[in-house]
mmCIF file of all heavy atoms, coordinates in Angstrom:
data_MODEL
# 
_entry.id   MODEL 
# 
loop_
_atom_site.group_PDB 
_atom_site.id 
_atom_site.type_symbol 
_atom_site.label_atom_id 
_atom_site.label_alt_id 
_atom_site.label_comp_id 
_atom_site.label_asym_id 
_atom_site.label_entity_id 
_atom_site.label_seq_id 
_atom_site.pdbx_PDB_ins_code 
_atom_site.Cartn_x 
_atom_site.Cartn_y 
_atom_site.Cartn_z 
_atom_site.occupancy 
_atom_site.B_iso_or_equiv 
_atom_site.pdbx_formal_charge 
_atom_site.auth_seq_id 
_atom_site.auth_comp_id 
_atom_site.auth_asym_id 
_atom_site.auth_atom_id 
_atom_site.pdbx_PDB_model_num 
ATOM 1   N N   . ASN A 1 1  ? 275.987 5.118  26.572 1.00 0.00 ? 1  ASN A N   1 
ATOM 2   C CA  . ASN A 1 1  ? 276.965 4.086  26.814 1.00 0.00 ? 1  ASN A CA  1 
ATOM 3   C C   . ASN A 1 1  ? 277.527 3.616  25.472 1.00 0.00 ? 1  ASN A C   1 
ATOM 4   O O   . ASN A 1 1  ? 277.287 2.524  24.960 1.00 0.00 ? 1  ASN A O   1 
ATOM 5   C CB  . ASN A 1 1  ? 276.253 2.903  27.543 1.00 0.00 ? 1  ASN A CB  1 
ATOM 6   C CG  . ASN A 1 1  ? 277.236 1.857  28.047 1.00 0.00 ? 1  ASN A CG  1 
ATOM 7   O OD1 . ASN A 1 1  ? 278.463 2.098  28.088 1.00 0.00 ? 1  ASN A OD1 1 
ATOM 8   N ND2 . ASN A 1 1  ? 276.736 0.686  28.324 1.00 0.00 ? 1  ASN A ND2 1 
ATOM 9   N N   . ALA A 1 2  ? 278.331 4.499  24.854 1.00 0.00 ? 2  ALA A N   1 
ATOM 10  C CA  . ALA A 1 2  ? 278.676 4.376  23.449 1.00 0.00 ? 2  ALA A CA  1 
ATOM 11  C C   . ALA A 1 2  ? 279.477 3.140  23.078 1.00 0.00 ? 2  ALA A C   1 
ATOM 12  O O   . ALA A 1 2  ? 279.505 2.708  21.915 1.00 0.00 ? 2  ALA A O   1 
ATOM 13  C CB  . ALA A 1 2  ? 279.443 5.635  23.004 1.00 0.00 ? 2  ALA A CB  1 
ATOM 14  N N   . ASN A 1 3  ? 280.210 2.521  24.040 1.00 0.00 ? 3  ASN A N   1 
ATOM 15  C CA  . ASN A 1 3  ? 281.039 1.424  23.719 1.00 0.00 ? 3  ASN A CA  1 
ATOM 16  C C   . ASN A 1 3  ? 280.437 0.029  24.003 1.00 0.00 ? 3  ASN A C   1 
ATOM 17  O O   . ASN A 1 3  ? 281.081 -0.996 23.880 1.00 0.00 ? 3  ASN A O   1 
ATOM 18  C CB  . ASN A 1 3  ? 282.396 1.530  24.392 1.00 0.00 ? 3  ASN A CB  1 
ATOM 19  C CG  . ASN A 1 3  ? 283.324 2.525  23.659 1.00 0.00 ? 3  ASN A CG  1 
ATOM 20  O OD1 . ASN A 1 3  ? 283.792 2.206  22.554 1.00 0.00 ? 3  ASN A OD1 1 
ATOM 21  N ND2 . ASN A 1 3  ? 283.549 3.717  24.265 1.00 0.00 ? 3  ASN A ND2 1 
ATOM 22  N N   . HIS A 1 4  ? 279.118 0.053  24.357 1.00 0.00 ? 4  HIS A N   1 
ATOM 23  C CA  . HIS A 1 4  ? 278.382 -1.244 24.415 1.00 0.00 ? 4  HIS A CA  1 
ATOM 24  C C   . HIS A 1 4  ? 278.143 -1.708 23.026 1.00 0.00 ? 4  HIS A C   1 
ATOM 25  O O   . HIS A 1 4  ? 277.851 -0.908 22.125 1.00 0.00 ? 4  HIS A O   1 
ATOM 26  C CB  . HIS A 1 4  ? 277.093 -0.975 25.159 1.00 0.00 ? 4  HIS A CB  1 
ATOM 27  C CG  . HIS A 1 4  ? 276.329 -2.291 25.409 1.00 0.00 ? 4  HIS A CG  1 
ATOM 28  N ND1 . HIS A 1 4  ? 275.669 -2.964 24.443 1.00 0.00 ? 4  HIS A ND1 1 
ATOM 29  C CD2 . HIS A 1 4  ? 276.209 -2.967 26.581 1.00 0.00 ? 4  HIS A CD2 1 
ATOM 30  C CE1 . HIS A 1 4  ? 275.105 -4.062 24.962 1.00 0.00 ? 4  HIS A CE1 1 
ATOM 31  N NE2 . HIS A 1 4  ? 275.396 -4.074 26.276 1.00 0.00 ? 4  HIS A NE2 1 
ATOM 32  N N   . PRO A 1 5  ? 278.268 -2.999 22.716 1.00 0.00 ? 5  PRO A N   1 
ATOM 33  C CA  . PRO A 1 5  ? 278.139 -3.511 21.360 1.00 0.00 ? 5  PRO A CA  1 
ATOM 34  C C   . PRO A 1 5  ? 276.819 -3.070 20.665 1.00 0.00 ? 5  PRO A C   1 
ATOM 35  O O   . PRO A 1 5  ? 276.835 -2.782 19.456 1.00 0.00 ? 5  PRO A O   1 
ATOM 36  C CB  . PRO A 1 5  ? 278.169 -5.038 21.519 1.00 0.00 ? 5  PRO A CB  1 
ATOM 37  C CG  . PRO A 1 5  ? 278.974 -5.251 22.768 1.00 0.00 ? 5  PRO A CG  1 
ATOM 38  C CD  . PRO A 1 5  ? 278.673 -4.082 23.644 1.00 0.00 ? 5  PRO A CD  1 
ATOM 39  N N   . ILE A 1 6  ? 275.710 -3.007 21.406 1.00 0.00 ? 6  ILE A N   1 
ATOM 40  C CA  . ILE A 1 6  ? 274.455 -2.652 20.815 1.00 0.00 ? 6  ILE A CA  1 
ATOM 41  C C   . ILE A 1 6  ? 274.452 -1.157 20.460 1.00 0.00 ? 6  ILE A C   1 
ATOM 42  O O   . ILE A 1 6  ? 274.010 -0.746 19.367 1.00 0.00 ? 6  ILE A O   1 
ATOM 43  C CB  . ILE A 1 6  ? 273.257 -2.949 21.777 1.00 0.00 ? 6  ILE A CB  1 
ATOM 44  C CG1 . ILE A 1 6  ? 273.156 -4.415 22.068 1.00 0.00 ? 6  ILE A CG1 1 
ATOM 45  C CG2 . ILE A 1 6  ? 271.974 -2.364 21.224 1.00 0.00 ? 6  ILE A CG2 1 
ATOM 46  C CD1 . ILE A 1 6  ? 272.883 -5.245 20.861 1.00 0.00 ? 6  ILE A CD1 1 
ATOM 47  N N   . VAL A 1 7  ? 274.970 -0.342 21.346 1.00 0.00 ? 7  VAL A N   1 
ATOM 48  C CA  . VAL A 1 7  ? 275.053 1.116  21.072 1.00 0.00 ? 7  VAL A CA  1 
ATOM 49  C C   . VAL A 1 7  ? 276.013 1.418  19.961 1.00 0.00 ? 7  VAL A C   1 
ATOM 50  O O   . VAL A 1 7  ? 275.811 2.323  19.160 1.00 0.00 ? 7  VAL A O   1 
ATOM 51  C CB  . VAL A 1 7  ? 275.351 1.847  22.369 1.00 0.00 ? 7  VAL A CB  1 
ATOM 52  C CG1 . VAL A 1 7  ? 275.275 3.378  22.129 1.00 0.00 ? 7  VAL A CG1 1 
ATOM 53  C CG2 . VAL A 1 7  ? 274.417 1.490  23.474 1.00 0.00 ? 7  VAL A CG2 1 
ATOM 54  N N   . ARG A 1 8  ? 277.120 0.683  19.939 1.00 0.00 ? 8  ARG A N   1 
ATOM 55  C CA  . ARG A 1 8  ? 278.070 0.829  18.818 1.00 0.00 ? 8  ARG A CA  1 
ATOM 56  C C   . ARG A 1 8  ? 277.390 0.566  17.470 1.00 0.00 ? 8  ARG A C   1 
ATOM 57  O O   . ARG A 1 8  ? 277.579 1.300  16.522 1.00 0.00 ? 8  ARG A O   1 
ATOM 58  C CB  . ARG A 1 8  ? 279.260 -0.148 19.020 1.00 0.00 ? 8  ARG A CB  1 
ATOM 59  C CG  . ARG A 1 8  ? 280.256 0.257  20.081 1.00 0.00 ? 8  ARG A CG  1 
ATOM 60  C CD  . ARG A 1 8  ? 281.136 -0.881 20.512 1.00 0.00 ? 8  ARG A CD  1 
ATOM 61  N NE  . ARG A 1 8  ? 281.852 -1.512 19.342 1.00 0.00 ? 8  ARG A NE  1 
ATOM 62  C CZ  . ARG A 1 8  ? 282.500 -2.615 19.420 1.00 0.00 ? 8  ARG A CZ  1 
ATOM 63  N NH1 . ARG A 1 8  ? 282.560 -3.336 20.561 1.00 0.00 ? 8  ARG A NH1 1 
ATOM 64  N NH2 . ARG A 1 8  ? 283.132 -3.125 18.356 1.00 0.00 ? 8  ARG A NH2 1 
ATOM 65  N N   . ARG A 1 9  ? 276.624 -0.470 17.433 1.00 0.00 ? 9  ARG A N   1 
ATOM 66  C CA  . ARG A 1 9  ? 275.862 -0.769 16.172 1.00 0.00 ? 9  ARG A CA  1 
ATOM 67  C C   . ARG A 1 9  ? 274.926 0.355  15.833 1.00 0.00 ? 9  ARG A C   1 
ATOM 68  O O   . ARG A 1 9  ? 274.803 0.746  14.659 1.00 0.00 ? 9  ARG A O   1 
ATOM 69  C CB  . ARG A 1 9  ? 275.153 -2.122 16.351 1.00 0.00 ? 9  ARG A CB  1 
ATOM 70  C CG  . ARG A 1 9  ? 274.264 -2.504 15.150 1.00 0.00 ? 9  ARG A CG  1 
ATOM 71  C CD  . ARG A 1 9  ? 275.066 -2.861 13.902 1.00 0.00 ? 9  ARG A CD  1 
ATOM 72  N NE  . ARG A 1 9  ? 275.840 -4.030 14.093 1.00 0.00 ? 9  ARG A NE  1 
ATOM 73  C CZ  . ARG A 1 9  ? 275.396 -5.271 13.996 1.00 0.00 ? 9  ARG A CZ  1 
ATOM 74  N NH1 . ARG A 1 9  ? 274.118 -5.492 13.649 1.00 0.00 ? 9  ARG A NH1 1 
ATOM 75  N NH2 . ARG A 1 9  ? 276.194 -6.306 14.203 1.00 0.00 ? 9  ARG A NH2 1 
ATOM 76  N N   . LEU A 1 10 ? 274.215 0.833  16.825 1.00 0.00 ? 10 LEU A N   1 
ATOM 77  C CA  . LEU A 1 10 ? 273.296 1.959  16.589 1.00 0.00 ? 10 LEU A CA  1 
ATOM 78  C C   . LEU A 1 10 ? 273.972 3.159  16.025 1.00 0.00 ? 10 LEU A C   1 
ATOM 79  O O   . LEU A 1 10 ? 273.534 3.750  15.024 1.00 0.00 ? 10 LEU A O   1 
ATOM 80  C CB  . LEU A 1 10 ? 272.612 2.356  17.936 1.00 0.00 ? 10 LEU A CB  1 
ATOM 81  C CG  . LEU A 1 10 ? 271.787 3.624  17.923 1.00 0.00 ? 10 LEU A CG  1 
ATOM 82  C CD1 . LEU A 1 10 ? 270.459 3.400  17.183 1.00 0.00 ? 10 LEU A CD1 1 
ATOM 83  C CD2 . LEU A 1 10 ? 271.486 4.138  19.345 1.00 0.00 ? 10 LEU A CD2 1 
ATOM 84  N N   . ILE A 1 11 ? 275.140 3.540  16.592 1.00 0.00 ? 11 ILE A N   1 
ATOM 85  C CA  . ILE A 1 11 ? 275.862 4.702  16.107 1.00 0.00 ? 11 ILE A CA  1 
ATOM 86  C C   . ILE A 1 11 ? 276.351 4.513  14.699 1.00 0.00 ? 11 ILE A C   1 
ATOM 87  O O   . ILE A 1 11 ? 276.157 5.420  13.817 1.00 0.00 ? 11 ILE A O   1 
ATOM 88  C CB  . ILE A 1 11 ? 277.033 5.012  17.075 1.00 0.00 ? 11 ILE A CB  1 
ATOM 89  C CG1 . ILE A 1 11 ? 276.480 5.501  18.426 1.00 0.00 ? 11 ILE A CG1 1 
ATOM 90  C CG2 . ILE A 1 11 ? 277.964 6.076  16.475 1.00 0.00 ? 11 ILE A CG2 1 
ATOM 91  C CD1 . ILE A 1 11 ? 277.580 5.636  19.529 1.00 0.00 ? 11 ILE A CD1 1 
ATOM 92  N N   . VAL A 1 12 ? 276.985 3.402  14.403 1.00 0.00 ? 12 VAL A N   1 
ATOM 93  C CA  . VAL A 1 12 ? 277.487 3.170  13.062 1.00 0.00 ? 12 VAL A CA  1 
ATOM 94  C C   . VAL A 1 12 ? 276.364 3.113  12.028 1.00 0.00 ? 12 VAL A C   1 
ATOM 95  O O   . VAL A 1 12 ? 276.483 3.645  10.941 1.00 0.00 ? 12 VAL A O   1 
ATOM 96  C CB  . VAL A 1 12 ? 278.348 1.883  13.013 1.00 0.00 ? 12 VAL A CB  1 
ATOM 97  C CG1 . VAL A 1 12 ? 278.749 1.501  11.574 1.00 0.00 ? 12 VAL A CG1 1 
ATOM 98  C CG2 . VAL A 1 12 ? 279.635 2.062  13.843 1.00 0.00 ? 12 VAL A CG2 1 
ATOM 99  N N   . ASP A 1 13 ? 275.262 2.444  12.368 1.00 0.00 ? 13 ASP A N   1 
ATOM 100 C CA  . ASP A 1 13 ? 274.121 2.394  11.424 1.00 0.00 ? 13 ASP A CA  1 
ATOM 101 C C   . ASP A 1 13 ? 273.593 3.774  11.190 1.00 0.00 ? 13 ASP A C   1 
ATOM 102 O O   . ASP A 1 13 ? 273.147 4.073  10.007 1.00 0.00 ? 13 ASP A O   1 
ATOM 103 C CB  . ASP A 1 13 ? 272.995 1.492  12.044 1.00 0.00 ? 13 ASP A CB  1 
ATOM 104 C CG  . ASP A 1 13 ? 273.312 0.023  11.907 1.00 0.00 ? 13 ASP A CG  1 
ATOM 105 O OD1 . ASP A 1 13 ? 274.320 -0.299 11.225 1.00 0.00 ? 13 ASP A OD1 1 
ATOM 106 O OD2 . ASP A 1 13 ? 272.546 -0.800 12.496 1.00 0.00 ? 13 ASP A OD2 1 
ATOM 107 N N   . SER A 1 14 ? 273.575 4.602  12.188 1.00 0.00 ? 14 SER A N   1 
ATOM 108 C CA  . SER A 1 14 ? 273.079 5.982  11.978 1.00 0.00 ? 14 SER A CA  1 
ATOM 109 C C   . SER A 1 14 ? 273.988 6.757  11.055 1.00 0.00 ? 14 SER A C   1 
ATOM 110 O O   . SER A 1 14 ? 273.498 7.433  10.112 1.00 0.00 ? 14 SER A O   1 
ATOM 111 C CB  . SER A 1 14 ? 273.005 6.707  13.393 1.00 0.00 ? 14 SER A CB  1 
ATOM 112 O OG  . SER A 1 14 ? 272.726 8.076  13.178 1.00 0.00 ? 14 SER A OG  1 
ATOM 113 N N   . LEU A 1 15 ? 275.278 6.629  11.277 1.00 0.00 ? 15 LEU A N   1 
ATOM 114 C CA  . LEU A 1 15 ? 276.233 7.361  10.388 1.00 0.00 ? 15 LEU A CA  1 
ATOM 115 C C   . LEU A 1 15 ? 276.084 6.841  8.946  1.00 0.00 ? 15 LEU A C   1 
ATOM 116 O O   . LEU A 1 15 ? 276.144 7.662  8.011  1.00 0.00 ? 15 LEU A O   1 
ATOM 117 C CB  . LEU A 1 15 ? 277.668 7.128  10.896 1.00 0.00 ? 15 LEU A CB  1 
ATOM 118 C CG  . LEU A 1 15 ? 277.971 7.774  12.287 1.00 0.00 ? 15 LEU A CG  1 
ATOM 119 C CD1 . LEU A 1 15 ? 279.388 7.346  12.721 1.00 0.00 ? 15 LEU A CD1 1 
ATOM 120 C CD2 . LEU A 1 15 ? 277.832 9.244  12.291 1.00 0.00 ? 15 LEU A CD2 1 
ATOM 121 N N   . ARG A 1 16 ? 275.940 5.509  8.775  1.00 0.00 ? 16 ARG A N   1 
ATOM 122 C CA  . ARG A 1 16 ? 275.805 4.981  7.430  1.00 0.00 ? 16 ARG A CA  1 
ATOM 123 C C   . ARG A 1 16 ? 274.543 5.555  6.761  1.00 0.00 ? 16 ARG A C   1 
ATOM 124 O O   . ARG A 1 16 ? 274.544 5.903  5.597  1.00 0.00 ? 16 ARG A O   1 
ATOM 125 C CB  . ARG A 1 16 ? 275.672 3.469  7.505  1.00 0.00 ? 16 ARG A CB  1 
ATOM 126 C CG  . ARG A 1 16 ? 276.953 2.720  7.772  1.00 0.00 ? 16 ARG A CG  1 
ATOM 127 C CD  . ARG A 1 16 ? 276.643 1.253  7.941  1.00 0.00 ? 16 ARG A CD  1 
ATOM 128 N NE  . ARG A 1 16 ? 277.867 0.431  8.068  1.00 0.00 ? 16 ARG A NE  1 
ATOM 129 C CZ  . ARG A 1 16 ? 277.838 -0.822 8.416  1.00 0.00 ? 16 ARG A CZ  1 
ATOM 130 N NH1 . ARG A 1 16 ? 276.656 -1.459 8.679  1.00 0.00 ? 16 ARG A NH1 1 
ATOM 131 N NH2 . ARG A 1 16 ? 278.933 -1.522 8.490  1.00 0.00 ? 16 ARG A NH2 1 
ATOM 132 N N   . TYR A 1 17 ? 273.453 5.675  7.541  1.00 0.00 ? 17 TYR A N   1 
ATOM 133 C CA  . TYR A 1 17 ? 272.192 6.193  6.980  1.00 0.00 ? 17 TYR A CA  1 
ATOM 134 C C   . TYR A 1 17 ? 272.410 7.628  6.435  1.00 0.00 ? 17 TYR A C   1 
ATOM 135 O O   . TYR A 1 17 ? 271.987 7.961  5.348  1.00 0.00 ? 17 TYR A O   1 
ATOM 136 C CB  . TYR A 1 17 ? 271.168 6.195  8.112  1.00 0.00 ? 17 TYR A CB  1 
ATOM 137 C CG  . TYR A 1 17 ? 269.886 6.975  7.680  1.00 0.00 ? 17 TYR A CG  1 
ATOM 138 C CD1 . TYR A 1 17 ? 268.970 6.490  6.763  1.00 0.00 ? 17 TYR A CD1 1 
ATOM 139 C CD2 . TYR A 1 17 ? 269.648 8.212  8.316  1.00 0.00 ? 17 TYR A CD2 1 
ATOM 140 C CE1 . TYR A 1 17 ? 267.822 7.200  6.467  1.00 0.00 ? 17 TYR A CE1 1 
ATOM 141 C CE2 . TYR A 1 17 ? 268.515 8.949  7.987  1.00 0.00 ? 17 TYR A CE2 1 
ATOM 142 C CZ  . TYR A 1 17 ? 267.612 8.485  7.069  1.00 0.00 ? 17 TYR A CZ  1 
ATOM 143 O OH  . TYR A 1 17 ? 266.494 9.194  6.732  1.00 0.00 ? 17 TYR A OH  1 
ATOM 144 N N   . TRP A 1 18 ? 273.045 8.472  7.243  1.00 0.00 ? 18 TRP A N   1 
ATOM 145 C CA  . TRP A 1 18 ? 273.214 9.899  6.837  1.00 0.00 ? 18 TRP A CA  1 
ATOM 146 C C   . TRP A 1 18 ? 274.179 9.996  5.626  1.00 0.00 ? 18 TRP A C   1 
ATOM 147 O O   . TRP A 1 18 ? 274.011 10.933 4.836  1.00 0.00 ? 18 TRP A O   1 
ATOM 148 C CB  . TRP A 1 18 ? 273.707 10.710 8.009  1.00 0.00 ? 18 TRP A CB  1 
ATOM 149 C CG  . TRP A 1 18 ? 272.630 10.874 9.053  1.00 0.00 ? 18 TRP A CG  1 
ATOM 150 C CD1 . TRP A 1 18 ? 272.527 10.231 10.265 1.00 0.00 ? 18 TRP A CD1 1 
ATOM 151 C CD2 . TRP A 1 18 ? 271.562 11.766 8.978  1.00 0.00 ? 18 TRP A CD2 1 
ATOM 152 N NE1 . TRP A 1 18 ? 271.418 10.584 10.908 1.00 0.00 ? 18 TRP A NE1 1 
ATOM 153 C CE2 . TRP A 1 18 ? 270.763 11.588 10.169 1.00 0.00 ? 18 TRP A CE2 1 
ATOM 154 C CE3 . TRP A 1 18 ? 271.082 12.692 8.021  1.00 0.00 ? 18 TRP A CE3 1 
ATOM 155 C CZ2 . TRP A 1 18 ? 269.598 12.304 10.434 1.00 0.00 ? 18 TRP A CZ2 1 
ATOM 156 C CZ3 . TRP A 1 18 ? 269.940 13.406 8.298  1.00 0.00 ? 18 TRP A CZ3 1 
ATOM 157 C CH2 . TRP A 1 18 ? 269.204 13.206 9.509  1.00 0.00 ? 18 TRP A CH2 1 
ATOM 158 N N   . VAL A 1 19 ? 275.108 9.073  5.478  1.00 0.00 ? 19 VAL A N   1 
ATOM 159 C CA  . VAL A 1 19 ? 275.992 9.067  4.323  1.00 0.00 ? 19 VAL A CA  1 
ATOM 160 C C   . VAL A 1 19 ? 275.329 8.496  3.101  1.00 0.00 ? 19 VAL A C   1 
ATOM 161 O O   . VAL A 1 19 ? 275.328 9.054  2.009  1.00 0.00 ? 19 VAL A O   1 
ATOM 162 C CB  . VAL A 1 19 ? 277.317 8.351  4.621  1.00 0.00 ? 19 VAL A CB  1 
ATOM 163 C CG1 . VAL A 1 19 ? 278.151 8.109  3.372  1.00 0.00 ? 19 VAL A CG1 1 
ATOM 164 C CG2 . VAL A 1 19 ? 278.141 9.166  5.656  1.00 0.00 ? 19 VAL A CG2 1 
ATOM 165 N N   . GLU A 1 20 ? 274.742 7.306  3.256  1.00 0.00 ? 20 GLU A N   1 
ATOM 166 C CA  . GLU A 1 20 ? 274.262 6.565  2.089  1.00 0.00 ? 20 GLU A CA  1 
ATOM 167 C C   . GLU A 1 20 ? 272.900 7.038  1.642  1.00 0.00 ? 20 GLU A C   1 
ATOM 168 O O   . GLU A 1 20 ? 272.629 7.073  0.415  1.00 0.00 ? 20 GLU A O   1 
ATOM 169 C CB  . GLU A 1 20 ? 274.163 5.067  2.434  1.00 0.00 ? 20 GLU A CB  1 
ATOM 170 C CG  . GLU A 1 20 ? 275.559 4.452  2.704  1.00 0.00 ? 20 GLU A CG  1 
ATOM 171 C CD  . GLU A 1 20 ? 275.483 2.979  3.097  1.00 0.00 ? 20 GLU A CD  1 
ATOM 172 O OE1 . GLU A 1 20 ? 274.401 2.547  3.590  1.00 0.00 ? 20 GLU A OE1 1 
ATOM 173 O OE2 . GLU A 1 20 ? 276.482 2.280  2.883  1.00 0.00 ? 20 GLU A OE2 1 
ATOM 174 N N   . SER A 1 21 ? 272.017 7.453  2.556  1.00 0.00 ? 21 SER A N   1 
ATOM 175 C CA  . SER A 1 21 ? 270.659 7.847  2.150  1.00 0.00 ? 21 SER A CA  1 
ATOM 176 C C   . SER A 1 21 ? 270.479 9.334  2.092  1.00 0.00 ? 21 SER A C   1 
ATOM 177 O O   . SER A 1 21 ? 269.714 9.802  1.251  1.00 0.00 ? 21 SER A O   1 
ATOM 178 C CB  . SER A 1 21 ? 269.639 7.295  3.195  1.00 0.00 ? 21 SER A CB  1 
ATOM 179 O OG  . SER A 1 21 ? 269.658 5.883  3.172  1.00 0.00 ? 21 SER A OG  1 
ATOM 180 N N   . MET A 1 22 ? 271.258 10.101 2.895  1.00 0.00 ? 22 MET A N   1 
ATOM 181 C CA  . MET A 1 22 ? 271.063 11.553 2.939  1.00 0.00 ? 22 MET A CA  1 
ATOM 182 C C   . MET A 1 22 ? 272.254 12.283 2.341  1.00 0.00 ? 22 MET A C   1 
ATOM 183 O O   . MET A 1 22 ? 272.232 13.523 2.152  1.00 0.00 ? 22 MET A O   1 
ATOM 184 C CB  . MET A 1 22 ? 270.867 12.020 4.388  1.00 0.00 ? 22 MET A CB  1 
ATOM 185 C CG  . MET A 1 22 ? 269.743 11.316 5.094  1.00 0.00 ? 22 MET A CG  1 
ATOM 186 S SD  . MET A 1 22 ? 268.143 11.524 4.317  1.00 0.00 ? 22 MET A SD  1 
ATOM 187 C CE  . MET A 1 22 ? 267.597 12.951 5.179  1.00 0.00 ? 22 MET A CE  1 
ATOM 188 N N   . HIS A 1 23 ? 273.351 11.587 1.999  1.00 0.00 ? 23 HIS A N   1 
ATOM 189 C CA  . HIS A 1 23 ? 274.447 12.062 1.189  1.00 0.00 ? 23 HIS A CA  1 
ATOM 190 C C   . HIS A 1 23 ? 275.304 13.175 1.847  1.00 0.00 ? 23 HIS A C   1 
ATOM 191 O O   . HIS A 1 23 ? 275.893 13.982 1.162  1.00 0.00 ? 23 HIS A O   1 
ATOM 192 C CB  . HIS A 1 23 ? 273.967 12.522 -0.182 1.00 0.00 ? 23 HIS A CB  1 
ATOM 193 C CG  . HIS A 1 23 ? 273.054 11.550 -0.842 1.00 0.00 ? 23 HIS A CG  1 
ATOM 194 N ND1 . HIS A 1 23 ? 273.473 10.303 -1.241 1.00 0.00 ? 23 HIS A ND1 1 
ATOM 195 C CD2 . HIS A 1 23 ? 271.731 11.634 -1.195 1.00 0.00 ? 23 HIS A CD2 1 
ATOM 196 C CE1 . HIS A 1 23 ? 272.479 9.645  -1.792 1.00 0.00 ? 23 HIS A CE1 1 
ATOM 197 N NE2 . HIS A 1 23 ? 271.409 10.434 -1.778 1.00 0.00 ? 23 HIS A NE2 1 
ATOM 198 N N   . VAL A 1 24 ? 275.378 13.175 3.197  1.00 0.00 ? 24 VAL A N   1 
ATOM 199 C CA  . VAL A 1 24 ? 276.188 14.182 3.849  1.00 0.00 ? 24 VAL A CA  1 
ATOM 200 C C   . VAL A 1 24 ? 277.668 13.746 3.605  1.00 0.00 ? 24 VAL A C   1 
ATOM 201 O O   . VAL A 1 24 ? 278.002 12.593 3.299  1.00 0.00 ? 24 VAL A O   1 
ATOM 202 C CB  . VAL A 1 24 ? 275.907 14.278 5.343  1.00 0.00 ? 24 VAL A CB  1 
ATOM 203 C CG1 . VAL A 1 24 ? 274.445 14.695 5.582  1.00 0.00 ? 24 VAL A CG1 1 
ATOM 204 C CG2 . VAL A 1 24 ? 276.312 13.086 6.127  1.00 0.00 ? 24 VAL A CG2 1 
ATOM 205 N N   . ASP A 1 25 ? 278.574 14.699 3.792  1.00 0.00 ? 25 ASP A N   1 
ATOM 206 C CA  . ASP A 1 25 ? 280.023 14.493 3.471  1.00 0.00 ? 25 ASP A CA  1 
ATOM 207 C C   . ASP A 1 25 ? 280.853 14.145 4.700  1.00 0.00 ? 25 ASP A C   1 
ATOM 208 O O   . ASP A 1 25 ? 282.028 13.812 4.548  1.00 0.00 ? 25 ASP A O   1 
ATOM 209 C CB  . ASP A 1 25 ? 280.549 15.753 2.787  1.00 0.00 ? 25 ASP A CB  1 
ATOM 210 C CG  . ASP A 1 25 ? 279.756 16.042 1.498  1.00 0.00 ? 25 ASP A CG  1 
ATOM 211 O OD1 . ASP A 1 25 ? 279.983 15.382 0.516  1.00 0.00 ? 25 ASP A OD1 1 
ATOM 212 O OD2 . ASP A 1 25 ? 278.867 16.964 1.589  1.00 0.00 ? 25 ASP A OD2 1 
# 
């Protein structure tokens, strides 16, 4: 349910993790 506010936060936090901590492009 990707457009629920909680799931939206989960998705964006995940993407930030892979960019900021794992350095993917």
